[in-house]
């Protein structure tokens, strides 16, 4: 089974900004928040994980290797909210 990784500094920055952090992404996955995995149109070597956090769609760019999933950031997405549902904020 692959593990999950990210830069601790980025995770701390997300927390300081009041945005969902990488632990929130993993919690969402555990609790059924997974929606999709898509190609990242801006970075062909990356994919986008779409998860629901607090009933709102969030995109999580990541890179997959043989050993792990490396997460780059987490951001709310109106476009994916329209596509994957949940309550409007």
PDB file of N, CA and C in Angstrom:
ATOM      1  N   UNK A   1       0.825  -1.178   0.000  1.00  0.00           N
ATOM      2  CA  UNK A   1       0.000   0.000   0.000  1.00  0.00           C
ATOM      3  C   UNK A   1       0.876   1.251   0.000  1.00  0.00           C
ATOM      4  N   UNK A   2       0.505   2.216  -0.828  1.00  0.00           N
ATOM      5  CA  UNK A   2       1.290   3.437  -0.940  1.00  0.00           C
ATOM      6  C   UNK A   2       1.022   4.363   0.240  1.00  0.00           C
ATOM      7  N   UNK A   3       2.034   5.139   0.566  1.00  0.00           N
ATOM      8  CA  UNK A   3       1.871   6.111   1.638  1.00  0.00           C
ATOM      9  C   UNK A   3       1.610   7.501   1.052  1.00  0.00           C
ATOM     10  N   UNK A   4       1.261   8.440   1.924  1.00  0.00           N
ATOM     11  CA  UNK A   4       0.967   9.816   1.551  1.00  0.00           C
ATOM     12  C   UNK A   4       2.076  10.703   2.083  1.00  0.00           C
ATOM     13  N   UNK A   5       2.485  11.711   1.281  1.00  0.00           N
ATOM     14  CA  UNK A   5       3.553  12.604   1.716  1.00  0.00           C
ATOM     15  C   UNK A   5       3.262  14.030   1.240  1.00  0.00           C
ATOM     16  N   UNK A   6       3.869  14.985   1.938  1.00  0.00           N
ATOM     17  CA  UNK A   6       3.762  16.404   1.590  1.00  0.00           C
ATOM     18  C   UNK A   6       4.854  17.147   2.328  1.00  0.00           C
ATOM     19  N   UNK A   7       5.061  18.398   1.957  1.00  0.00           N
ATOM     20  CA  UNK A   7       6.029  19.227   2.661  1.00  0.00           C
ATOM     21  C   UNK A   7       5.375  19.747   3.941  1.00  0.00           C
ATOM     22  N   UNK A   8       5.989  19.492   5.095  1.00  0.00           N
ATOM     23  CA  UNK A   8       5.414  19.974   6.356  1.00  0.00           C
ATOM     24  C   UNK A   8       5.225  21.497   6.372  1.00  0.00           C
ATOM     25  N   UNK A   9       6.149  22.212   5.736  1.00  0.00           N
ATOM     26  CA  UNK A   9       6.053  23.677   5.698  1.00  0.00           C
ATOM     27  C   UNK A   9       4.792  24.124   4.959  1.00  0.00           C
ATOM     28  N   UNK A  10       4.463  23.448   3.875  1.00  0.00           N
ATOM     29  CA  UNK A  10       3.262  23.784   3.105  1.00  0.00           C
ATOM     30  C   UNK A  10       2.017  23.474   3.933  1.00  0.00           C
ATOM     31  N   UNK A  11       2.018  22.359   4.628  1.00  0.00           N
ATOM     32  CA  UNK A  11       0.885  21.998   5.468  1.00  0.00           C
ATOM     33  C   UNK A  11       0.665  23.062   6.547  1.00  0.00           C
ATOM     34  N   UNK A  12       1.741  23.510   7.166  1.00  0.00           N
ATOM     35  CA  UNK A  12       1.649  24.540   8.196  1.00  0.00           C
ATOM     36  C   UNK A  12       1.130  25.849   7.607  1.00  0.00           C
ATOM     37  N   UNK A  13       1.587  26.203   6.416  1.00  0.00           N
ATOM     38  CA  UNK A  13       1.124  27.420   5.750  1.00  0.00           C
ATOM     39  C   UNK A  13      -0.378  27.352   5.476  1.00  0.00           C
ATOM     40  N   UNK A  14      -0.862  26.209   4.998  1.00  0.00           N
ATOM     41  CA  UNK A  14      -2.292  26.035   4.755  1.00  0.00           C
ATOM     42  C   UNK A  14      -3.085  26.249   6.044  1.00  0.00           C
ATOM     43  N   UNK A  15      -2.590  25.687   7.148  1.00  0.00           N
ATOM     44  CA  UNK A  15      -3.255  25.852   8.439  1.00  0.00           C
ATOM     45  C   UNK A  15      -3.282  27.321   8.856  1.00  0.00           C
ATOM     46  N   UNK A  16      -2.148  28.002   8.696  1.00  0.00           N
ATOM     47  CA  UNK A  16      -2.058  29.413   9.084  1.00  0.00           C
ATOM     48  C   UNK A  16      -2.986  30.292   8.238  1.00  0.00           C
ATOM     49  N   UNK A  17      -3.224  29.881   7.009  1.00  0.00           N
ATOM     50  CA  UNK A  17      -4.115  30.622   6.121  1.00  0.00           C
ATOM     51  C   UNK A  17      -5.585  30.301   6.401  1.00  0.00           C
ATOM     52  N   UNK A  18      -5.838  29.350   7.289  1.00  0.00           N
ATOM     53  CA  UNK A  18      -7.202  28.961   7.613  1.00  0.00           C
ATOM     54  C   UNK A  18      -7.849  28.079   6.561  1.00  0.00           C
ATOM     55  N   UNK A  19      -7.023  27.471   5.721  1.00  0.00           N
ATOM     56  CA  UNK A  19      -7.525  26.578   4.677  1.00  0.00           C
ATOM     57  C   UNK A  19      -7.391  25.133   5.131  1.00  0.00           C
ATOM     58  N   UNK A  20      -8.137  24.228   4.482  1.00  0.00           N
ATOM     59  CA  UNK A  20      -7.945  22.815   4.799  1.00  0.00           C
ATOM     60  C   UNK A  20      -6.495  22.396   4.558  1.00  0.00           C
ATOM     61  N   UNK A  21      -6.002  21.531   5.427  1.00  0.00           N
ATOM     62  CA  UNK A  21      -4.631  21.045   5.305  1.00  0.00           C
ATOM     63  C   UNK A  21      -4.640  19.606   4.791  1.00  0.00           C
ATOM     64  N   UNK A  22      -3.475  19.022   4.666  1.00  0.00           N
ATOM     65  CA  UNK A  22      -3.373  17.672   4.112  1.00  0.00           C
ATOM     66  C   UNK A  22      -4.008  16.618   5.021  1.00  0.00           C
ATOM     67  N   UNK A  23      -3.975  16.837   6.338  1.00  0.00           N
ATOM     68  CA  UNK A  23      -4.655  15.909   7.240  1.00  0.00           C
ATOM     69  C   UNK A  23      -6.164  15.921   6.978  1.00  0.00           C
ATOM     70  N   UNK A  24      -6.706  17.097   6.630  1.00  0.00           N
ATOM     71  CA  UNK A  24      -8.137  17.195   6.291  1.00  0.00           C
ATOM     72  C   UNK A  24      -8.458  16.387   5.037  1.00  0.00           C
ATOM     73  N   UNK A  25      -7.529  16.373   4.089  1.00  0.00           N
ATOM     74  CA  UNK A  25      -7.715  15.586   2.862  1.00  0.00           C
ATOM     75  C   UNK A  25      -7.790  14.099   3.205  1.00  0.00           C
ATOM     76  N   UNK A  26      -6.846  13.630   4.022  1.00  0.00           N
ATOM     77  CA  UNK A  26      -6.854  12.209   4.400  1.00  0.00           C
ATOM     78  C   UNK A  26      -8.102  11.856   5.194  1.00  0.00           C
ATOM     79  N   UNK A  27      -8.524  12.736   6.084  1.00  0.00           N
ATOM     80  CA  UNK A  27      -9.749  12.495   6.857  1.00  0.00           C
ATOM     81  C   UNK A  27     -10.957  12.407   5.931  1.00  0.00           C
ATOM     82  N   UNK A  28     -11.001  13.282   4.933  1.00  0.00           N
ATOM     83  CA  UNK A  28     -12.090  13.250   3.964  1.00  0.00           C
ATOM     84  C   UNK A  28     -12.115  11.924   3.213  1.00  0.00           C
ATOM     85  N   UNK A  29     -10.955  11.449   2.810  1.00  0.00           N
ATOM     86  CA  UNK A  29     -10.879  10.174   2.094  1.00  0.00           C
ATOM     87  C   UNK A  29     -11.368   9.019   2.972  1.00  0.00           C
ATOM     88  N   UNK A  30     -10.959   9.022   4.229  1.00  0.00           N
ATOM     89  CA  UNK A  30     -11.380   7.970   5.157  1.00  0.00           C
ATOM     90  C   UNK A  30     -12.890   7.985   5.355  1.00  0.00           C
ATOM     91  N   UNK A  31     -13.473   9.189   5.353  1.00  0.00           N
ATOM     92  CA  UNK A  31     -14.902   9.346   5.642  1.00  0.00           C
ATOM     93  C   UNK A  31     -15.786   9.396   4.397  1.00  0.00           C
ATOM     94  N   UNK A  32     -15.280   8.943   3.261  1.00  0.00           N
ATOM     95  CA  UNK A  32     -16.108   8.853   2.057  1.00  0.00           C
ATOM     96  C   UNK A  32     -16.170  10.101   1.211  1.00  0.00           C
ATOM     97  N   UNK A  33     -15.221  11.028   1.383  1.00  0.00           N
ATOM     98  CA  UNK A  33     -15.232  12.278   0.632  1.00  0.00           C
ATOM     99  C   UNK A  33     -14.589  12.216  -0.742  1.00  0.00           C
ATOM    100  N   UNK A  34     -14.060  11.052  -1.118  1.00  0.00           N
ATOM    101  CA  UNK A  34     -13.443  10.921  -2.445  1.00  0.00           C
ATOM    102  C   UNK A  34     -14.492  11.127  -3.535  1.00  0.00           C
ATOM    103  N   UNK A  35     -14.143  11.923  -4.568  1.00  0.00           N
ATOM    104  CA  UNK A  35     -15.034  12.119  -5.700  1.00  0.00           C
ATOM    105  C   UNK A  35     -14.413  11.666  -7.016  1.00  0.00           C
ATOM    106  N   UNK A  36     -13.123  11.994  -7.252  1.00  0.00           N
ATOM    107  CA  UNK A  36     -12.548  11.643  -8.560  1.00  0.00           C
ATOM    108  C   UNK A  36     -11.045  11.875  -8.549  1.00  0.00           C
ATOM    109  N   UNK A  37     -10.375  11.302  -9.556  1.00  0.00           N
ATOM    110  CA  UNK A  37      -8.985  11.599  -9.875  1.00  0.00           C
ATOM    111  C   UNK A  37      -8.971  11.993 -11.339  1.00  0.00           C
ATOM    112  N   UNK A  38      -8.416  13.162 -11.625  1.00  0.00           N
ATOM    113  CA  UNK A  38      -8.403  13.710 -12.981  1.00  0.00           C
ATOM    114  C   UNK A  38      -6.982  14.034 -13.410  1.00  0.00           C
ATOM    115  N   UNK A  39      -6.774  14.184 -14.701  1.00  0.00           N
ATOM    116  CA  UNK A  39      -5.503  14.706 -15.202  1.00  0.00           C
ATOM    117  C   UNK A  39      -5.434  16.182 -14.844  1.00  0.00           C
ATOM    118  N   UNK A  40      -4.255  16.650 -14.517  1.00  0.00           N
ATOM    119  CA  UNK A  40      -4.066  18.067 -14.225  1.00  0.00           C
ATOM    120  C   UNK A  40      -3.775  18.781 -15.534  1.00  0.00           C
ATOM    121  N   UNK A  41      -4.678  19.648 -16.010  1.00  0.00           N
ATOM    122  CA  UNK A  41      -4.489  20.293 -17.310  1.00  0.00           C
ATOM    123  C   UNK A  41      -3.291  21.238 -17.355  1.00  0.00           C
ATOM    124  N   UNK A  42      -2.858  21.738 -16.193  1.00  0.00           N
ATOM    125  CA  UNK A  42      -1.737  22.682 -16.160  1.00  0.00           C
ATOM    126  C   UNK A  42      -0.380  22.010 -16.001  1.00  0.00           C
ATOM    127  N   UNK A  43      -0.371  20.814 -15.424  1.00  0.00           N
ATOM    128  CA  UNK A  43       0.876  20.091 -15.179  1.00  0.00           C
ATOM    129  C   UNK A  43       0.672  18.630 -15.569  1.00  0.00           C
ATOM    130  N   UNK A  44       1.076  18.239 -16.762  1.00  0.00           N
ATOM    131  CA  UNK A  44       0.817  16.878 -17.253  1.00  0.00           C
ATOM    132  C   UNK A  44       1.396  15.764 -16.376  1.00  0.00           C
ATOM    133  N   UNK A  45       2.426  16.048 -15.603  1.00  0.00           N
ATOM    134  CA  UNK A  45       3.023  15.015 -14.756  1.00  0.00           C
ATOM    135  C   UNK A  45       2.258  14.831 -13.449  1.00  0.00           C
ATOM    136  N   UNK A  46       1.244  15.676 -13.228  1.00  0.00           N
ATOM    137  CA  UNK A  46       0.451  15.601 -12.005  1.00  0.00           C
ATOM    138  C   UNK A  46      -0.986  15.167 -12.296  1.00  0.00           C
ATOM    139  N   UNK A  47      -1.667  14.763 -11.237  1.00  0.00           N
ATOM    140  CA  UNK A  47      -3.098  14.472 -11.290  1.00  0.00           C
ATOM    141  C   UNK A  47      -3.796  15.339 -10.249  1.00  0.00           C
ATOM    142  N   UNK A  48      -5.115  15.427 -10.345  1.00  0.00           N
ATOM    143  CA  UNK A  48      -5.909  16.162  -9.365  1.00  0.00           C
ATOM    144  C   UNK A  48      -6.812  15.183  -8.626  1.00  0.00           C
ATOM    145  N   UNK A  49      -6.703  15.182  -7.318  1.00  0.00           N
ATOM    146  CA  UNK A  49      -7.600  14.426  -6.461  1.00  0.00           C
ATOM    147  C   UNK A  49      -8.725  15.378  -6.072  1.00  0.00           C
ATOM    148  N   UNK A  50      -9.966  14.970  -6.278  1.00  0.00           N
ATOM    149  CA  UNK A  50     -11.114  15.795  -5.900  1.00  0.00           C
ATOM    150  C   UNK A  50     -11.751  15.163  -4.671  1.00  0.00           C
ATOM    151  N   UNK A  51     -11.815  15.942  -3.588  1.00  0.00           N
ATOM    152  CA  UNK A  51     -12.404  15.475  -2.335  1.00  0.00           C
ATOM    153  C   UNK A  51     -13.379  16.518  -1.802  1.00  0.00           C
ATOM    154  N   UNK A  52     -14.334  16.050  -1.024  1.00  0.00           N
ATOM    155  CA  UNK A  52     -15.271  16.945  -0.361  1.00  0.00           C
ATOM    156  C   UNK A  52     -14.778  17.199   1.059  1.00  0.00           C
ATOM    157  N   UNK A  53     -14.614  18.480   1.397  1.00  0.00           N
ATOM    158  CA  UNK A  53     -14.247  18.891   2.748  1.00  0.00           C
ATOM    159  C   UNK A  53     -15.269  19.921   3.178  1.00  0.00           C
ATOM    160  N   UNK A  54     -15.956  19.665   4.271  1.00  0.00           N
ATOM    161  CA  UNK A  54     -17.027  20.553   4.757  1.00  0.00           C
ATOM    162  C   UNK A  54     -18.062  20.817   3.671  1.00  0.00           C
ATOM    163  N   UNK A  55     -18.469  19.757   2.982  1.00  0.00           N
ATOM    164  CA  UNK A  55     -19.487  19.828   1.927  1.00  0.00           C
ATOM    165  C   UNK A  55     -19.109  20.731   0.761  1.00  0.00           C
ATOM    166  N   UNK A  56     -17.809  20.901   0.522  1.00  0.00           N
ATOM    167  CA  UNK A  56     -17.369  21.706  -0.619  1.00  0.00           C
ATOM    168  C   UNK A  56     -16.235  20.978  -1.326  1.00  0.00           C
ATOM    169  N   UNK A  57     -16.263  21.003  -2.655  1.00  0.00           N
ATOM    170  CA  UNK A  57     -15.243  20.300  -3.445  1.00  0.00           C
ATOM    171  C   UNK A  57     -13.895  21.017  -3.364  1.00  0.00           C
ATOM    172  N   UNK A  58     -12.866  20.237  -3.128  1.00  0.00           N
ATOM    173  CA  UNK A  58     -11.495  20.741  -3.093  1.00  0.00           C
ATOM    174  C   UNK A  58     -10.642  19.936  -4.066  1.00  0.00           C
ATOM    175  N   UNK A  59      -9.759  20.629  -4.746  1.00  0.00           N
ATOM    176  CA  UNK A  59      -8.809  19.993  -5.651  1.00  0.00           C
ATOM    177  C   UNK A  59      -7.468  19.860  -4.931  1.00  0.00           C
ATOM    178  N   UNK A  60      -6.844  18.720  -5.125  1.00  0.00           N
ATOM    179  CA  UNK A  60      -5.565  18.432  -4.483  1.00  0.00           C
ATOM    180  C   UNK A  60      -4.600  17.929  -5.557  1.00  0.00           C
ATOM    181  N   UNK A  61      -3.756  18.808  -6.102  1.00  0.00           N
ATOM    182  CA  UNK A  61      -2.761  18.346  -7.075  1.00  0.00           C
ATOM    183  C   UNK A  61      -1.785  17.375  -6.400  1.00  0.00           C
ATOM    184  N   UNK A  62      -1.458  16.284  -7.104  1.00  0.00           N
ATOM    185  CA  UNK A  62      -0.530  15.310  -6.536  1.00  0.00           C
ATOM    186  C   UNK A  62       0.246  14.615  -7.635  1.00  0.00           C
ATOM    187  N   UNK A  63       1.354  14.027  -7.216  1.00  0.00           N
ATOM    188  CA  UNK A  63       2.185  13.215  -8.105  1.00  0.00           C
ATOM    189  C   UNK A  63       2.267  11.827  -7.496  1.00  0.00           C
ATOM    190  N   UNK A  64       2.093  10.816  -8.333  1.00  0.00           N
ATOM    191  CA  UNK A  64       2.126   9.433  -7.870  1.00  0.00           C
ATOM    192  C   UNK A  64       3.428   8.775  -8.300  1.00  0.00           C
ATOM    193  N   UNK A  65       4.085   8.125  -7.346  1.00  0.00           N
ATOM    194  CA  UNK A  65       5.266   7.322  -7.651  1.00  0.00           C
ATOM    195  C   UNK A  65       4.948   5.879  -7.271  1.00  0.00           C
ATOM    196  N   UNK A  66       5.901   4.999  -7.435  1.00  0.00           N
ATOM    197  CA  UNK A  66       5.684   3.599  -7.057  1.00  0.00           C
ATOM    198  C   UNK A  66       5.471   3.447  -5.551  1.00  0.00           C
ATOM    199  N   UNK A  67       6.069   4.358  -4.757  1.00  0.00           N
ATOM    200  CA  UNK A  67       6.014   4.239  -3.313  1.00  0.00           C
ATOM    201  C   UNK A  67       4.947   5.090  -2.643  1.00  0.00           C
ATOM    202  N   UNK A  68       4.594   6.255  -3.256  1.00  0.00           N
ATOM    203  CA  UNK A  68       3.736   7.176  -2.526  1.00  0.00           C
ATOM    204  C   UNK A  68       2.942   8.115  -3.422  1.00  0.00           C
ATOM    205  N   UNK A  69       2.008   8.820  -2.764  1.00  0.00           N
ATOM    206  CA  UNK A  69       1.273   9.924  -3.368  1.00  0.00           C
ATOM    207  C   UNK A  69       1.812  11.190  -2.703  1.00  0.00           C
ATOM    208  N   UNK A  70       2.382  12.106  -3.497  1.00  0.00           N
ATOM    209  CA  UNK A  70       2.914  13.346  -2.942  1.00  0.00           C
ATOM    210  C   UNK A  70       1.931  14.473  -3.236  1.00  0.00           C
ATOM    211  N   UNK A  71       1.382  15.075  -2.168  1.00  0.00           N
ATOM    212  CA  UNK A  71       0.392  16.141  -2.300  1.00  0.00           C
ATOM    213  C   UNK A  71       1.089  17.500  -2.335  1.00  0.00           C
ATOM    214  N   UNK A  72       0.629  18.382  -3.244  1.00  0.00           N
ATOM    215  CA  UNK A  72       1.255  19.695  -3.397  1.00  0.00           C
ATOM    216  C   UNK A  72       0.515  20.811  -2.672  1.00  0.00           C
ATOM    217  N   UNK A  73      -0.802  20.838  -2.758  1.00  0.00           N
ATOM    218  CA  UNK A  73      -1.598  21.861  -2.095  1.00  0.00           C
ATOM    219  C   UNK A  73      -3.051  21.404  -2.053  1.00  0.00           C
ATOM    220  N   UNK A  74      -3.900  22.234  -1.445  1.00  0.00           N
ATOM    221  CA  UNK A  74      -5.338  21.963  -1.365  1.00  0.00           C
ATOM    222  C   UNK A  74      -6.040  23.286  -1.617  1.00  0.00           C
ATOM    223  N   UNK A  75      -7.020  23.288  -2.518  1.00  0.00           N
ATOM    224  CA  UNK A  75      -7.770  24.529  -2.727  1.00  0.00           C
ATOM    225  C   UNK A  75      -9.225  24.233  -3.091  1.00  0.00           C
ATOM    226  N   UNK A  76     -10.137  25.109  -2.628  1.00  0.00           N
ATOM    227  CA  UNK A  76     -11.550  24.944  -2.975  1.00  0.00           C
ATOM    228  C   UNK A  76     -11.747  25.267  -4.454  1.00  0.00           C
ATOM    229  N   UNK A  77     -12.703  24.590  -5.079  1.00  0.00           N
ATOM    230  CA  UNK A  77     -12.920  24.783  -6.510  1.00  0.00           C
ATOM    231  C   UNK A  77     -14.407  24.911  -6.827  1.00  0.00           C
ATOM    232  N   UNK A  78     -14.805  26.092  -7.307  1.00  0.00           N
ATOM    233  CA  UNK A  78     -16.202  26.283  -7.722  1.00  0.00           C
ATOM    234  C   UNK A  78     -16.566  25.362  -8.886  1.00  0.00           C
ATOM    235  N   UNK A  79     -15.639  25.203  -9.815  1.00  0.00           N
ATOM    236  CA  UNK A  79     -15.910  24.362 -10.989  1.00  0.00           C
ATOM    237  C   UNK A  79     -16.193  22.918 -10.564  1.00  0.00           C
ATOM    238  N   UNK A  80     -15.380  22.375  -9.670  1.00  0.00           N
ATOM    239  CA  UNK A  80     -15.597  21.001  -9.224  1.00  0.00           C
ATOM    240  C   UNK A  80     -16.777  20.919  -8.267  1.00  0.00           C
ATOM    241  N   UNK A  81     -17.090  21.991  -7.560  1.00  0.00           N
ATOM    242  CA  UNK A  81     -18.276  22.009  -6.714  1.00  0.00           C
ATOM    243  C   UNK A  81     -19.527  21.847  -7.578  1.00  0.00           C
ATOM    244  N   UNK A  82     -19.555  22.549  -8.698  1.00  0.00           N
ATOM    245  CA  UNK A  82     -20.706  22.424  -9.622  1.00  0.00           C
ATOM    246  C   UNK A  82     -20.803  21.009 -10.179  1.00  0.00           C
ATOM    247  N   UNK A  83     -19.651  20.414 -10.435  1.00  0.00           N
ATOM    248  CA  UNK A  83     -19.611  19.095 -11.062  1.00  0.00           C
ATOM    249  C   UNK A  83     -19.912  17.960 -10.072  1.00  0.00           C
ATOM    250  N   UNK A  84     -19.422  18.090  -8.831  1.00  0.00           N
ATOM    251  CA  UNK A  84     -19.510  16.976  -7.881  1.00  0.00           C
ATOM    252  C   UNK A  84     -20.492  17.209  -6.735  1.00  0.00           C
ATOM    253  N   UNK A  85     -21.093  18.385  -6.688  1.00  0.00           N
ATOM    254  CA  UNK A  85     -22.162  18.607  -5.725  1.00  0.00           C
ATOM    255  C   UNK A  85     -21.738  18.941  -4.326  1.00  0.00           C
ATOM    256  N   UNK A  86     -22.658  18.700  -3.409  1.00  0.00           N
ATOM    257  CA  UNK A  86     -22.484  19.135  -2.048  1.00  0.00           C
ATOM    258  C   UNK A  86     -23.286  20.407  -1.850  1.00  0.00           C
ATOM    259  N   UNK A  87     -23.261  20.933  -0.665  1.00  0.00           N
ATOM    260  CA  UNK A  87     -24.001  22.162  -0.390  1.00  0.00           C
ATOM    261  C   UNK A  87     -23.203  23.373  -0.850  1.00  0.00           C
ATOM    262  N   UNK A  88     -23.899  24.360  -1.393  1.00  0.00           N
ATOM    263  CA  UNK A  88     -23.226  25.594  -1.805  1.00  0.00           C
ATOM    264  C   UNK A  88     -22.840  26.402  -0.585  1.00  0.00           C
ATOM    265  N   UNK A  89     -21.681  27.042  -0.637  1.00  0.00           N
ATOM    266  CA  UNK A  89     -21.248  27.923   0.453  1.00  0.00           C
ATOM    267  C   UNK A  89     -21.552  29.349   0.096  1.00  0.00           C
TER     268      UNK A  89
END
